[in-house]
Amino acid sequence: MTLLLTENSTLTKFIDGVAIGNKKTAFDYSRRLETFRLFVFNKYNMSLDELILTLTTVSHGPKIDVY
């Protein structure tokens, strides 16, 4: 079901979980997240998993200016 989120295991697990309930919703999420993945990679040179870690658990990791 997952499109190109292969290097983003956190999101792949999320999409797979959504697919259990609704395959169409999982496909839509996957498509949107792929666009976002490309943006994050081009802008910050990091994967979505790295972004998630930066925003949730790594207090002294790469800083991202959200503005």
N, C-alpha and C. Protein backbone atom coordinates (compact mmCIF):
# COMPACT_ATOMS: atom_id res chain seq x y z
N MET A 1 0.83 -1.19 0.00
CA MET A 1 0.00 0.00 0.00
C MET A 1 0.86 1.25 0.00
N THR A 2 2.01 1.21 0.65
CA THR A 2 2.86 2.39 0.78
C THR A 2 3.52 2.71 -0.55
N LEU A 3 3.55 3.99 -0.88
CA LEU A 3 4.16 4.40 -2.14
C LEU A 3 5.68 4.40 -2.02
N LEU A 4 6.27 5.55 -1.76
CA LEU A 4 7.73 5.66 -1.72
C LEU A 4 8.25 6.01 -0.34
N LEU A 5 7.54 5.64 0.69
CA LEU A 5 7.96 5.98 2.05
C LEU A 5 8.86 4.90 2.64
N THR A 6 9.56 4.16 1.80
CA THR A 6 10.33 3.01 2.25
C THR A 6 11.43 3.36 3.24
N GLU A 7 12.05 4.53 3.12
CA GLU A 7 13.12 4.88 4.05
C GLU A 7 12.60 5.61 5.28
N ASN A 8 11.31 5.62 5.44
CA ASN A 8 10.68 6.30 6.57
C ASN A 8 9.81 5.29 7.31
N SER A 9 10.46 4.45 8.11
CA SER A 9 9.75 3.32 8.73
C SER A 9 8.62 3.75 9.66
N THR A 10 8.76 4.87 10.34
CA THR A 10 7.70 5.34 11.23
C THR A 10 6.42 5.60 10.44
N LEU A 11 6.55 6.29 9.32
CA LEU A 11 5.38 6.60 8.51
C LEU A 11 4.86 5.39 7.77
N THR A 12 5.74 4.49 7.38
CA THR A 12 5.29 3.26 6.73
C THR A 12 4.42 2.46 7.69
N LYS A 13 4.82 2.37 8.94
CA LYS A 13 4.01 1.66 9.94
C LYS A 13 2.67 2.36 10.13
N PHE A 14 2.68 3.69 10.15
CA PHE A 14 1.44 4.45 10.30
C PHE A 14 0.50 4.18 9.13
N ILE A 15 1.01 4.27 7.91
CA ILE A 15 0.18 4.05 6.72
C ILE A 15 -0.36 2.62 6.69
N ASP A 16 0.47 1.66 7.05
CA ASP A 16 0.02 0.27 7.09
C ASP A 16 -1.10 0.09 8.11
N GLY A 17 -1.01 0.78 9.24
CA GLY A 17 -2.07 0.72 10.25
C GLY A 17 -3.36 1.34 9.75
N VAL A 18 -3.24 2.47 9.04
CA VAL A 18 -4.44 3.11 8.48
C VAL A 18 -5.07 2.21 7.43
N ALA A 19 -4.24 1.51 6.65
CA ALA A 19 -4.75 0.65 5.58
C ALA A 19 -5.62 -0.48 6.11
N ILE A 20 -5.39 -0.89 7.34
CA ILE A 20 -6.21 -1.95 7.94
C ILE A 20 -7.66 -1.47 8.01
N GLY A 21 -7.85 -0.19 8.31
CA GLY A 21 -9.20 0.35 8.42
C GLY A 21 -9.78 0.83 7.10
N ASN A 22 -8.94 1.49 6.28
CA ASN A 22 -9.45 2.07 5.05
C ASN A 22 -8.32 2.22 4.04
N LYS A 23 -8.33 1.42 3.01
CA LYS A 23 -7.25 1.42 2.02
C LYS A 23 -7.20 2.73 1.23
N LYS A 24 -8.34 3.31 0.93
CA LYS A 24 -8.38 4.57 0.18
C LYS A 24 -7.75 5.70 1.00
N THR A 25 -8.09 5.78 2.27
CA THR A 25 -7.50 6.80 3.15
C THR A 25 -5.99 6.60 3.24
N ALA A 26 -5.55 5.36 3.39
CA ALA A 26 -4.12 5.07 3.46
C ALA A 26 -3.42 5.50 2.18
N PHE A 27 -4.03 5.26 1.05
CA PHE A 27 -3.45 5.66 -0.23
C PHE A 27 -3.34 7.19 -0.31
N ASP A 28 -4.41 7.88 0.09
CA ASP A 28 -4.39 9.35 0.07
C ASP A 28 -3.31 9.90 1.00
N TYR A 29 -3.23 9.37 2.21
CA TYR A 29 -2.20 9.81 3.16
C TYR A 29 -0.81 9.57 2.58
N SER A 30 -0.62 8.41 2.00
CA SER A 30 0.67 8.05 1.44
C SER A 30 1.08 9.02 0.33
N ARG A 31 0.13 9.36 -0.52
CA ARG A 31 0.40 10.32 -1.60
C ARG A 31 0.79 11.68 -1.05
N ARG A 32 0.05 12.16 -0.07
CA ARG A 32 0.34 13.46 0.53
C ARG A 32 1.68 13.46 1.27
N LEU A 33 1.94 12.38 1.98
CA LEU A 33 3.21 12.29 2.72
C LEU A 33 4.40 12.17 1.79
N GLU A 34 4.21 11.59 0.62
CA GLU A 34 5.30 11.51 -0.35
C GLU A 34 5.68 12.92 -0.82
N THR A 35 4.70 13.75 -1.08
CA THR A 35 4.96 15.14 -1.47
C THR A 35 5.69 15.86 -0.34
N PHE A 36 5.23 15.66 0.88
CA PHE A 36 5.88 16.28 2.04
C PHE A 36 7.29 15.74 2.24
N ARG A 37 7.48 14.43 2.02
CA ARG A 37 8.81 13.83 2.13
C ARG A 37 9.79 14.50 1.18
N LEU A 38 9.36 14.73 -0.05
CA LEU A 38 10.23 15.39 -1.03
C LEU A 38 10.56 16.82 -0.60
N PHE A 39 9.58 17.54 -0.08
CA PHE A 39 9.81 18.89 0.41
C PHE A 39 10.84 18.90 1.54
N VAL A 40 10.64 18.04 2.52
CA VAL A 40 11.56 17.98 3.67
C VAL A 40 12.97 17.61 3.21
N PHE A 41 13.07 16.66 2.30
CA PHE A 41 14.38 16.26 1.82
C PHE A 41 15.07 17.41 1.07
N ASN A 42 14.32 18.07 0.20
CA ASN A 42 14.92 19.17 -0.58
C ASN A 42 15.25 20.38 0.28
N LYS A 43 14.42 20.69 1.25
CA LYS A 43 14.61 21.88 2.09
C LYS A 43 15.63 21.66 3.22
N TYR A 44 15.54 20.48 3.89
CA TYR A 44 16.35 20.23 5.08
C TYR A 44 17.34 19.08 4.93
N ASN A 45 17.30 18.39 3.79
CA ASN A 45 18.19 17.26 3.52
C ASN A 45 18.10 16.20 4.62
N MET A 46 16.88 15.84 4.98
CA MET A 46 16.67 14.78 5.97
C MET A 46 15.42 14.00 5.62
N SER A 47 15.36 12.78 6.12
CA SER A 47 14.18 11.94 5.90
C SER A 47 13.07 12.36 6.86
N LEU A 48 11.88 11.85 6.63
CA LEU A 48 10.78 12.15 7.54
C LEU A 48 11.02 11.52 8.90
N ASP A 49 11.64 10.36 8.95
CA ASP A 49 11.97 9.76 10.25
C ASP A 49 12.92 10.67 11.03
N GLU A 50 13.91 11.24 10.35
CA GLU A 50 14.83 12.16 11.01
C GLU A 50 14.09 13.41 11.50
N LEU A 51 13.16 13.90 10.69
CA LEU A 51 12.36 15.06 11.09
C LEU A 51 11.53 14.75 12.33
N ILE A 52 10.91 13.58 12.34
CA ILE A 52 10.10 13.18 13.50
C ILE A 52 10.97 13.11 14.75
N LEU A 53 12.14 12.50 14.64
CA LEU A 53 13.05 12.43 15.79
C LEU A 53 13.48 13.81 16.25
N THR A 54 13.76 14.69 15.30
CA THR A 54 14.17 16.05 15.64
C THR A 54 13.07 16.77 16.40
N LEU A 55 11.84 16.59 15.99
CA LEU A 55 10.73 17.32 16.60
C LEU A 55 10.21 16.68 17.87
N THR A 56 10.52 15.41 18.12
CA THR A 56 9.93 14.73 19.27
C THR A 56 10.92 14.34 20.36
N THR A 57 12.08 13.78 20.01
CA THR A 57 12.93 13.21 21.05
C THR A 57 14.33 13.82 21.15
N VAL A 58 14.82 14.39 20.10
CA VAL A 58 16.20 14.89 20.10
C VAL A 58 16.18 16.36 20.49
N SER A 59 16.53 16.63 21.73
CA SER A 59 16.46 18.03 22.18
C SER A 59 17.61 18.87 21.64
N HIS A 60 18.71 18.24 21.30
CA HIS A 60 19.86 18.99 20.80
C HIS A 60 20.23 18.58 19.38
N GLY A 61 19.26 18.06 18.65
CA GLY A 61 19.49 17.64 17.29
C GLY A 61 19.45 18.80 16.30
N PRO A 62 19.33 18.50 15.04
CA PRO A 62 19.26 19.55 14.03
C PRO A 62 18.10 20.48 14.31
N LYS A 63 18.34 21.75 14.27
CA LYS A 63 17.30 22.73 14.53
C LYS A 63 16.62 23.12 13.22
N ILE A 64 15.33 23.20 13.26
CA ILE A 64 14.55 23.58 12.09
C ILE A 64 13.77 24.83 12.44
N ASP A 65 13.97 25.85 11.66
CA ASP A 65 13.22 27.09 11.87
C ASP A 65 11.86 26.92 11.21
N VAL A 66 10.82 26.82 12.02
CA VAL A 66 9.49 26.57 11.48
C VAL A 66 8.87 27.82 10.88
N TYR A 67 9.52 28.94 11.04
CA TYR A 67 9.02 30.18 10.44
C TYR A 67 9.90 30.56 9.30
